[in-house]
Amino acid sequence: MKLCSSFEEALKVIKSDSTVFVHGAAATPFEMLRVLTENSDHLRNVEMIHIHTEGECFYAQEKYKDRFRITSLFTGKNLRGKLDYERIDYLPCFLSEIPLLFRRGLKKIDVALIQVSPPDDHGYVSLGVSVDVAKAAVECADVVVAHINPRMPRVHGSGFISIHDIDYAVEYDAPLHATPPKPSTDVELAIGKNVASLVEDGATLQLGIGAIPNAVAENLTHHKHLGLHTEMWSDGALSLLKRGVIDNSRKSFQQGISTSAFVIGSQDLYDFIDDNMTTINLETSYVNYPINIMRNPKVTAINSAVEIDLTGQVCADSVGSKIISGVGGQMDFIRAAALSEGGKPIFALSSMSPKGASRLVTRLKPGAGVVTTRAHIHYVATEYGVVNLFGKTLNERAKALIGISHPSVREQLEREWSELKRQISAPL
């Protein structure tokens, strides 16, 4: 490992027409990316590939269009509205399979840009808050450039990298991206209460980040012996860990351990996971592998959706044709929860969007992608109740979903469903 005096020096290794992997989520190496973009006059056609990143996406700016193009494996808010499907494009792939893209050479990585902890006494740094797909990218990259940050927690699991596998490094003290939790609204708390009613003591949770997962956590404070095996987690789960509600004692796979691929949240969260042997971050190919997930009892997978149609098709990555996130690990956990002994796959969403449109619809918007099929869906929860669609016919499903839709749209949905039945029952 060559220790460089500046990012400018370390980043000279990046050449035109190369592919550069960027560490994502709370591990996004902001300062490295800023320096790269500001010193890119000599570069042309550099492909930046990553899951969602935090902070401003400098290289997505129009003025850099000849220098950088982007392959987004999961689109974050800093790229929403910028996808043009030419220079800035989206690659749909399960998070569990993204490491395969790298290891099979389907996406060749020339340079990996990562942010890591300082090395320990044995010469190993930690990928810290975000192991996910980064470990595979590091293993497959021709060159690895690391931002060594004393604020990056040393997280147990599979995210350790020898300094001998890093080519260039820069020591730089900078805060990690932090996302403090926000107070839950009445609607979110109502959804959280309905979801919590499905969670049994001893269940193993998939509980992510955002308003609804936090609201679910607020309603789980009286539960006992919950476990955590999840793609990612945040301050909602942290509060349950500190209360002893999550103790992982009933897990049969990695008992006593909170298992994830990445974490993102407050500084309090990052302090908690630092050198904490009861929390581990592993690669998504392992964490999201359905067979590993379902080895635990009562897997309760809590996921969100943009829209769900009355037959049970779930759109979760787009608004119509407009990509706003990604496929992620939803299907991995939904399927595994259904196959886990006593498991429950759950979709939790508000009945109405912030713009006042029903999220339960007769038909998905034109161009909307189906992330979870009607054959995989089980529980759906809104602020108006919970229904289980498993084992129900299309007509039974439609009636059940209308019953938990917003009262202002129920009559309209009933009319639309009656009309749709007439259309789909007509002879071909």
Protein backbone atom coordinates (compact mmCIF):
# COMPACT_ATOMS: atom_id res chain seq x y z
CA MET A 1 0.00 0.00 0.00
CA LYS A 2 1.34 3.40 -0.98
CA LEU A 3 0.31 6.12 1.45
CA CYS A 4 -0.29 9.27 -0.60
CA SER A 5 -0.16 12.84 0.63
CA SER A 6 -3.38 13.85 -1.14
CA PHE A 7 -6.39 12.52 -3.00
CA GLU A 8 -5.10 14.27 -6.13
CA GLU A 9 -2.02 12.07 -6.03
CA ALA A 10 -3.89 8.85 -5.32
CA LEU A 11 -6.53 9.40 -8.01
CA LYS A 12 -4.04 9.82 -10.84
CA VAL A 13 -4.43 6.08 -11.34
CA ILE A 14 -7.87 6.62 -12.94
CA LYS A 15 -7.68 6.76 -16.73
CA SER A 16 -10.15 7.51 -19.52
CA ASP A 17 -12.46 4.66 -20.61
CA SER A 18 -12.08 2.89 -17.27
CA THR A 19 -14.76 1.60 -14.90
CA VAL A 20 -14.66 2.91 -11.33
CA PHE A 21 -16.59 1.36 -8.44
CA VAL A 22 -17.71 3.77 -5.72
CA HIS A 23 -18.34 2.67 -2.13
CA GLY A 24 -21.94 3.57 -1.32
CA ALA A 25 -24.49 4.47 1.36
CA ALA A 26 -22.94 6.01 4.51
CA ALA A 27 -19.48 4.94 3.30
CA THR A 28 -19.63 7.20 0.24
CA PRO A 29 -16.14 8.75 -0.04
CA PHE A 30 -17.36 12.35 -0.55
CA GLU A 31 -14.03 14.13 -0.44
CA MET A 32 -12.43 11.66 -2.83
CA LEU A 33 -15.28 12.10 -5.30
CA ARG A 34 -15.15 15.89 -5.05
CA VAL A 35 -11.43 15.93 -5.77
CA LEU A 36 -11.81 13.44 -8.62
CA THR A 37 -14.51 15.52 -10.29
CA GLU A 38 -12.69 18.84 -9.89
CA ASN A 39 -9.51 17.37 -11.38
CA SER A 40 -11.07 15.49 -14.29
CA ASP A 41 -10.15 17.74 -17.24
CA HIS A 42 -8.00 14.99 -18.73
CA LEU A 43 -10.63 12.24 -18.37
CA ARG A 44 -13.15 11.00 -20.91
CA ASN A 45 -15.83 8.30 -20.70
CA VAL A 46 -15.15 7.06 -17.18
CA GLU A 47 -17.94 4.74 -15.98
CA MET A 48 -18.88 5.23 -12.32
CA ILE A 49 -20.76 2.21 -10.95
CA HIS A 50 -22.36 1.94 -7.51
CA ILE A 51 -25.43 1.31 -5.42
CA HIS A 52 -26.98 4.46 -3.95
CA THR A 53 -24.55 7.07 -2.72
CA GLU A 54 -25.12 9.87 -0.23
CA GLY A 55 -24.39 13.56 -0.68
CA GLU A 56 -24.11 15.46 -3.93
CA CYS A 57 -23.30 13.33 -6.97
CA PHE A 58 -20.73 15.73 -8.45
CA TYR A 59 -19.92 13.72 -11.57
CA ALA A 60 -23.59 13.55 -12.59
CA GLN A 61 -23.60 17.28 -13.39
CA GLU A 62 -24.22 18.14 -17.02
CA LYS A 63 -20.89 19.94 -17.40
CA TYR A 64 -19.09 16.64 -16.84
CA LYS A 65 -21.09 14.70 -19.42
CA ASP A 66 -18.06 13.94 -21.62
CA ARG A 67 -15.95 12.86 -18.67
CA PHE A 68 -18.25 10.58 -16.65
CA ARG A 69 -21.13 8.22 -17.21
CA ILE A 70 -22.99 6.42 -14.45
CA THR A 71 -24.32 2.90 -13.99
CA SER A 72 -26.65 2.98 -11.01
CA LEU A 73 -27.31 -0.36 -9.31
CA PHE A 74 -29.75 1.30 -6.89
CA THR A 75 -30.81 4.88 -7.51
CA GLY A 76 -30.66 7.24 -4.55
CA LYS A 77 -32.22 10.66 -4.20
CA ASN A 78 -29.08 12.35 -5.53
CA LEU A 79 -29.66 10.72 -8.95
CA ARG A 80 -33.44 10.76 -9.12
CA GLY A 81 -34.49 13.04 -11.92
CA LYS A 82 -31.08 12.77 -13.59
CA LEU A 83 -31.43 9.37 -15.22
CA ASP A 84 -31.46 9.78 -19.00
CA TYR A 85 -30.85 6.04 -19.70
CA GLU A 86 -27.84 6.89 -21.85
CA ARG A 87 -25.13 8.69 -19.89
CA ILE A 88 -26.83 7.99 -16.57
CA ASP A 89 -28.49 4.59 -16.59
CA TYR A 90 -29.98 2.04 -14.21
CA LEU A 91 -29.00 -1.64 -14.01
CA PRO A 92 -31.73 -3.70 -12.31
CA CYS A 93 -30.28 -6.53 -10.25
CA PHE A 94 -31.01 -8.20 -6.93
CA LEU A 95 -28.58 -6.96 -4.29
CA SER A 96 -27.77 -10.60 -3.58
CA GLU A 97 -26.54 -11.02 -7.16
CA ILE A 98 -24.58 -7.79 -7.69
CA PRO A 99 -21.37 -9.41 -6.40
CA LEU A 100 -21.80 -11.96 -9.20
CA LEU A 101 -21.68 -9.15 -11.78
CA PHE A 102 -18.20 -8.34 -10.55
CA ARG A 103 -16.89 -11.85 -9.88
CA ARG A 104 -18.07 -13.20 -13.23
CA GLY A 105 -16.58 -10.24 -15.06
CA LEU A 106 -19.91 -9.03 -16.41
CA LYS A 107 -18.97 -5.62 -14.99
CA LYS A 108 -15.18 -5.33 -15.06
CA ILE A 109 -13.87 -3.06 -12.27
CA ASP A 110 -10.66 -1.19 -13.08
CA VAL A 111 -10.53 0.95 -9.93
CA ALA A 112 -12.42 0.68 -6.62
CA LEU A 113 -12.80 3.82 -4.47
CA ILE A 114 -13.55 2.91 -0.85
CA GLN A 115 -13.67 4.44 2.61
CA VAL A 116 -12.28 2.35 5.47
CA SER A 117 -11.22 2.37 9.10
CA PRO A 118 -7.57 2.73 10.15
CA PRO A 119 -5.67 -0.59 10.09
CA ASP A 120 -5.57 -2.73 13.21
CA ASP A 121 -2.41 -4.24 14.69
CA HIS A 122 -2.54 -7.02 12.11
CA GLY A 123 -2.77 -4.70 9.10
CA TYR A 124 -6.49 -5.04 8.38
CA VAL A 125 -8.88 -2.18 7.68
CA SER A 126 -12.67 -2.46 7.87
CA LEU A 127 -15.23 -1.49 5.23
CA GLY A 128 -17.19 -0.43 8.28
CA VAL A 129 -20.76 0.69 7.76
CA SER A 130 -21.08 -0.70 4.24
CA VAL A 131 -19.83 -4.16 3.21
CA ASP A 132 -22.79 -4.99 0.90
CA VAL A 133 -21.37 -5.19 -2.66
CA ALA A 134 -18.14 -3.35 -1.87
CA LYS A 135 -16.19 -6.41 -0.72
CA ALA A 136 -16.67 -8.12 -4.08
CA ALA A 137 -15.72 -4.93 -5.94
CA VAL A 138 -12.49 -4.67 -3.96
CA GLU A 139 -11.61 -8.30 -4.63
CA CYS A 140 -12.22 -7.89 -8.37
CA ALA A 141 -10.73 -4.43 -8.96
CA ASP A 142 -7.36 -4.07 -10.65
CA VAL A 143 -6.53 -1.12 -8.40
CA VAL A 144 -7.95 -0.16 -4.97
CA VAL A 145 -7.81 3.41 -3.67
CA ALA A 146 -8.80 3.88 -0.03
CA HIS A 147 -9.80 6.85 2.08
CA ILE A 148 -8.60 5.86 5.56
CA ASN A 149 -10.91 7.66 7.95
CA PRO A 150 -10.48 7.50 11.75
CA ARG A 151 -14.24 8.03 12.07
CA MET A 152 -15.12 4.87 10.18
CA PRO A 153 -16.18 2.24 12.75
CA ARG A 154 -14.41 -1.10 12.79
CA VAL A 155 -17.30 -3.46 12.18
CA HIS A 156 -17.04 -7.22 12.62
CA GLY A 157 -18.00 -9.58 9.83
CA SER A 158 -16.55 -10.11 6.35
CA GLY A 159 -15.58 -6.51 5.62
CA PHE A 160 -11.92 -6.72 6.62
CA ILE A 161 -9.29 -5.98 3.96
CA SER A 162 -5.53 -6.38 4.26
CA ILE A 163 -3.52 -3.23 3.62
CA HIS A 164 -1.58 -5.38 1.13
CA ASP A 165 -4.75 -5.49 -1.03
CA ILE A 166 -4.92 -1.68 -1.15
CA ASP A 167 -2.78 0.04 -3.76
CA TYR A 168 -3.11 3.69 -2.78
CA ALA A 169 -4.44 5.29 0.39
CA VAL A 170 -4.97 8.73 1.87
CA GLU A 171 -5.49 9.40 5.57
CA TYR A 172 -8.21 12.01 6.03
CA ASP A 173 -10.48 12.82 8.96
CA ALA A 174 -14.06 13.52 7.84
CA PRO A 175 -17.54 12.91 9.29
CA LEU A 176 -19.54 10.01 7.89
CA HIS A 177 -22.92 10.73 6.37
CA ALA A 178 -25.40 10.67 9.24
CA THR A 179 -29.18 10.52 9.08
CA PRO A 180 -30.76 11.24 12.47
CA PRO A 181 -34.26 9.77 12.92
CA LYS A 182 -37.28 12.04 12.46
CA PRO A 183 -40.42 12.00 14.64
CA SER A 184 -43.13 9.70 13.28
CA THR A 185 -46.38 11.15 11.99
CA ASP A 186 -49.78 9.90 13.14
CA VAL A 187 -50.21 7.99 9.86
CA GLU A 188 -46.80 6.36 10.21
CA LEU A 189 -47.49 5.39 13.81
CA ALA A 190 -50.81 3.84 12.77
CA ILE A 191 -49.06 1.80 10.09
CA GLY A 192 -46.38 0.83 12.58
CA LYS A 193 -49.01 -0.35 15.05
CA ASN A 194 -50.72 -2.49 12.41
CA VAL A 195 -47.44 -4.06 11.33
CA ALA A 196 -46.33 -4.64 14.92
CA SER A 197 -49.55 -6.58 15.54
CA LEU A 198 -48.20 -9.22 13.13
CA VAL A 199 -44.81 -9.54 14.80
CA GLU A 200 -44.54 -12.46 17.21
CA ASP A 201 -42.14 -12.75 20.12
CA GLY A 202 -39.00 -14.54 18.94
CA ALA A 203 -39.39 -13.34 15.36
CA THR A 204 -36.37 -12.50 13.19
CA LEU A 205 -36.80 -9.08 11.61
CA GLN A 206 -35.92 -7.51 8.31
CA LEU A 207 -36.25 -3.88 9.32
CA GLY A 208 -34.76 -1.16 7.14
CA ILE A 209 -34.44 2.60 7.20
CA GLY A 210 -37.10 5.26 6.95
CA ALA A 211 -40.20 6.60 8.62
CA ILE A 212 -42.27 3.41 8.56
CA PRO A 213 -39.54 1.05 9.86
CA ASN A 214 -38.89 3.52 12.68
CA ALA A 215 -42.62 3.67 13.43
CA VAL A 216 -42.77 -0.13 13.49
CA ALA A 217 -39.87 -0.15 15.95
CA GLU A 218 -41.70 2.34 18.18
CA ASN A 219 -44.55 -0.17 18.42
CA LEU A 220 -42.35 -3.15 19.26
CA THR A 221 -41.02 -2.00 22.61
CA HIS A 222 -43.04 -4.59 24.56
CA HIS A 223 -42.01 -7.54 22.40
CA LYS A 224 -39.47 -10.10 23.56
CA HIS A 225 -36.49 -11.96 22.11
CA LEU A 226 -36.60 -10.49 18.62
CA GLY A 227 -33.77 -11.16 16.19
CA LEU A 228 -32.25 -9.10 13.40
CA HIS A 229 -31.22 -10.48 10.01
CA THR A 230 -31.68 -7.67 7.55
CA GLU A 231 -30.17 -6.12 4.45
CA MET A 232 -29.65 -2.91 6.41
CA TRP A 233 -30.79 -1.27 9.63
CA SER A 234 -30.89 2.08 11.32
CA ASP A 235 -31.82 3.89 14.53
CA GLY A 236 -35.23 2.22 14.84
CA ALA A 237 -33.58 -1.15 15.35
CA LEU A 238 -30.89 0.48 17.50
CA SER A 239 -33.51 1.59 20.00
CA LEU A 240 -34.78 -2.00 20.26
CA LEU A 241 -31.25 -3.34 20.71
CA LYS A 242 -30.57 -0.90 23.53
CA ARG A 243 -33.85 -1.85 25.23
CA GLY A 244 -33.06 -5.55 24.95
CA VAL A 245 -36.12 -6.16 22.78
CA ILE A 246 -33.79 -7.39 20.06
CA ASP A 247 -31.45 -9.86 21.74
CA ASN A 248 -31.11 -12.40 18.89
CA SER A 249 -31.50 -15.21 21.41
CA ARG A 250 -34.09 -17.14 19.36
CA LYS A 251 -32.24 -17.03 16.06
CA SER A 252 -31.10 -20.44 14.88
CA PHE A 253 -28.65 -18.96 12.36
CA GLN A 254 -26.00 -16.60 13.79
CA GLN A 255 -27.62 -16.70 17.21
CA GLY A 256 -26.81 -13.75 19.42
CA ILE A 257 -25.74 -11.66 16.43
CA SER A 258 -27.40 -8.79 14.54
CA THR A 259 -26.72 -9.59 10.89
CA SER A 260 -26.75 -7.06 8.04
CA ALA A 261 -24.93 -5.89 4.91
CA PHE A 262 -24.85 -2.18 5.73
CA VAL A 263 -26.09 0.35 8.25
CA ILE A 264 -26.98 4.00 7.90
CA GLY A 265 -28.23 6.38 10.55
CA SER A 266 -27.03 8.61 13.36
CA GLN A 267 -23.59 8.96 14.90
CA ASP A 268 -25.02 7.13 17.91
CA LEU A 269 -25.59 4.14 15.64
CA TYR A 270 -22.04 4.25 14.29
CA ASP A 271 -20.65 4.43 17.82
CA PHE A 272 -22.75 1.41 18.80
CA ILE A 273 -21.46 -0.86 16.03
CA ASP A 274 -17.81 0.12 16.44
CA ASP A 275 -15.88 -3.02 17.53
CA ASN A 276 -19.16 -4.53 18.76
CA MET A 277 -18.94 -8.29 18.38
CA THR A 278 -22.73 -8.66 18.53
CA THR A 279 -23.21 -6.83 15.20
CA ILE A 280 -21.74 -7.95 11.89
CA ASN A 281 -21.79 -6.66 8.33
CA LEU A 282 -21.48 -9.24 5.57
CA GLU A 283 -21.72 -9.28 1.81
CA THR A 284 -25.19 -9.12 0.24
CA SER A 285 -24.57 -12.42 -1.54
CA TYR A 286 -24.60 -13.99 1.93
CA VAL A 287 -26.99 -11.81 3.94
CA ASN A 288 -29.62 -11.70 1.20
CA TYR A 289 -29.28 -15.33 0.16
CA PRO A 290 -32.80 -16.66 0.78
CA ILE A 291 -31.62 -20.00 2.13
CA ASN A 292 -29.58 -18.22 4.80
CA ILE A 293 -32.47 -15.91 5.69
CA MET A 294 -35.03 -18.69 6.05
CA ARG A 295 -32.82 -20.68 8.42
CA ASN A 296 -34.10 -18.39 11.16
CA PRO A 297 -37.57 -18.85 12.70
CA LYS A 298 -40.51 -16.51 12.13
CA VAL A 299 -38.71 -14.33 9.61
CA THR A 300 -40.79 -11.16 9.44
CA ALA A 301 -39.81 -9.17 6.37
CA ILE A 302 -41.11 -5.60 6.36
CA ASN A 303 -40.89 -3.88 2.98
CA SER A 304 -42.29 -0.80 1.31
CA ALA A 305 -43.92 -0.16 -2.04
CA VAL A 306 -44.75 2.69 -4.38
CA GLU A 307 -47.98 1.07 -5.57
CA ILE A 308 -49.80 -2.23 -5.20
CA ASP A 309 -52.51 -3.14 -7.66
CA LEU A 310 -55.70 -4.89 -6.62
CA THR A 311 -54.39 -8.27 -7.77
CA GLY A 312 -51.28 -7.98 -5.57
CA GLN A 313 -48.59 -6.86 -8.00
CA VAL A 314 -46.03 -4.64 -6.26
CA CYS A 315 -44.19 -1.75 -7.88
CA ALA A 316 -41.34 -0.70 -5.59
CA ASP A 317 -38.61 0.85 -7.73
CA SER A 318 -40.37 3.36 -9.98
CA VAL A 319 -43.17 5.85 -10.39
CA GLY A 320 -44.51 4.69 -13.72
CA SER A 321 -41.41 4.40 -15.93
CA LYS A 322 -39.40 6.79 -13.75
CA ILE A 323 -36.86 4.85 -11.67
CA ILE A 324 -36.62 6.19 -8.11
CA SER A 325 -34.74 3.43 -6.28
CA GLY A 326 -33.97 -0.17 -7.26
CA VAL A 327 -34.92 -3.81 -7.01
CA GLY A 328 -32.75 -4.14 -3.91
CA GLY A 329 -33.28 -7.19 -1.73
CA GLN A 330 -37.05 -7.10 -1.51
CA MET A 331 -37.68 -10.35 -3.36
CA ASP A 332 -34.88 -12.13 -1.49
CA PHE A 333 -36.49 -11.38 1.88
CA ILE A 334 -40.12 -11.67 0.81
CA ARG A 335 -39.54 -15.15 -0.58
CA ALA A 336 -37.41 -16.25 2.36
CA ALA A 337 -39.96 -15.02 4.89
CA ALA A 338 -42.69 -17.00 3.14
CA LEU A 339 -40.56 -20.15 3.41
CA SER A 340 -39.35 -19.57 6.97
CA GLU A 341 -41.14 -21.56 9.67
CA GLY A 342 -43.80 -19.16 10.94
CA GLY A 343 -42.51 -16.40 8.67
CA LYS A 344 -44.47 -13.37 7.46
CA PRO A 345 -43.73 -11.31 4.35
CA ILE A 346 -45.23 -7.83 4.91
CA PHE A 347 -45.67 -4.74 2.77
CA ALA A 348 -46.23 -1.57 4.76
CA LEU A 349 -47.27 1.64 3.06
CA SER A 350 -49.46 4.68 3.54
CA SER A 351 -52.79 4.53 1.74
CA MET A 352 -52.07 7.81 -0.06
CA SER A 353 -48.91 9.29 -1.57
CA PRO A 354 -47.63 12.71 -0.43
CA LYS A 355 -49.32 14.13 -3.56
CA GLY A 356 -52.69 12.67 -2.59
CA ALA A 357 -52.81 9.70 -4.97
CA SER A 358 -53.94 6.27 -3.80
CA ARG A 359 -51.11 3.75 -3.44
CA LEU A 360 -53.60 0.90 -3.80
CA VAL A 361 -54.67 1.02 -7.43
CA THR A 362 -56.70 -0.93 -9.96
CA ARG A 363 -53.82 -0.82 -12.43
CA LEU A 364 -50.19 0.11 -11.91
CA LYS A 365 -49.11 3.25 -13.71
CA PRO A 366 -48.02 2.74 -17.34
CA GLY A 367 -44.41 1.64 -17.39
CA ALA A 368 -44.33 0.63 -13.73
CA GLY A 369 -42.11 -2.35 -13.01
CA VAL A 370 -43.29 -5.32 -10.95
CA VAL A 371 -40.66 -6.02 -8.31
CA THR A 372 -42.74 -8.52 -6.33
CA THR A 373 -45.25 -10.64 -8.19
CA ARG A 374 -48.84 -11.34 -7.19
CA ALA A 375 -47.79 -14.91 -6.40
CA HIS A 376 -45.27 -13.76 -3.79
CA ILE A 377 -47.34 -11.24 -1.86
CA HIS A 378 -48.82 -12.08 1.54
CA TYR A 379 -49.52 -9.32 4.08
CA VAL A 380 -50.29 -5.69 3.24
CA ALA A 381 -50.62 -3.05 5.93
CA THR A 382 -51.77 0.57 5.70
CA GLU A 383 -52.95 2.94 8.42
CA TYR A 384 -56.44 1.45 7.89
CA GLY A 385 -55.60 -2.16 8.67
CA VAL A 386 -53.86 -5.36 7.58
CA VAL A 387 -54.91 -8.01 5.07
CA ASN A 388 -53.33 -11.31 4.07
CA LEU A 389 -53.65 -11.97 0.34
CA PHE A 390 -52.05 -15.41 0.42
CA GLY A 391 -54.60 -18.02 -0.62
CA LYS A 392 -57.08 -15.42 -1.90
CA THR A 393 -58.49 -15.21 -5.42
CA LEU A 394 -58.12 -12.05 -7.48
CA ASN A 395 -61.61 -10.90 -6.56
CA GLU A 396 -61.05 -11.64 -2.86
CA ARG A 397 -57.76 -9.75 -2.99
CA ALA A 398 -59.34 -6.73 -4.61
CA LYS A 399 -62.05 -6.56 -1.95
CA ALA A 400 -59.51 -6.96 0.85
CA LEU A 401 -57.21 -4.23 -0.47
CA ILE A 402 -60.07 -1.83 -1.10
CA GLY A 403 -60.98 -2.33 2.57
CA ILE A 404 -57.63 -0.88 3.73
CA SER A 405 -57.43 1.86 1.10
CA HIS A 406 -58.17 5.47 1.94
CA PRO A 407 -61.93 5.92 2.51
CA SER A 408 -62.07 8.70 -0.08
CA VAL A 409 -61.11 6.34 -2.93
CA ARG A 410 -62.91 3.14 -1.98
CA GLU A 411 -66.02 3.70 -4.10
CA GLN A 412 -63.90 4.64 -7.08
CA LEU A 413 -61.75 1.54 -6.68
CA GLU A 414 -64.86 -0.63 -6.46
CA ARG A 415 -66.20 0.86 -9.70
CA GLU A 416 -62.86 0.45 -11.45
CA TRP A 417 -62.53 -3.15 -10.27
CA SER A 418 -66.03 -3.99 -11.50
CA GLU A 419 -65.17 -2.52 -14.90
CA LEU A 420 -61.85 -4.33 -15.04
CA LYS A 421 -63.55 -7.64 -14.24
CA ARG A 422 -65.86 -7.12 -17.19
CA GLN A 423 -62.92 -6.42 -19.48
CA ILE A 424 -60.75 -9.34 -18.40
CA SER A 425 -63.63 -11.83 -18.44
CA ALA A 426 -64.55 -11.04 -22.05
CA PRO A 427 -63.67 -13.78 -24.59
CA LEU A 428 -60.25 -13.43 -26.22
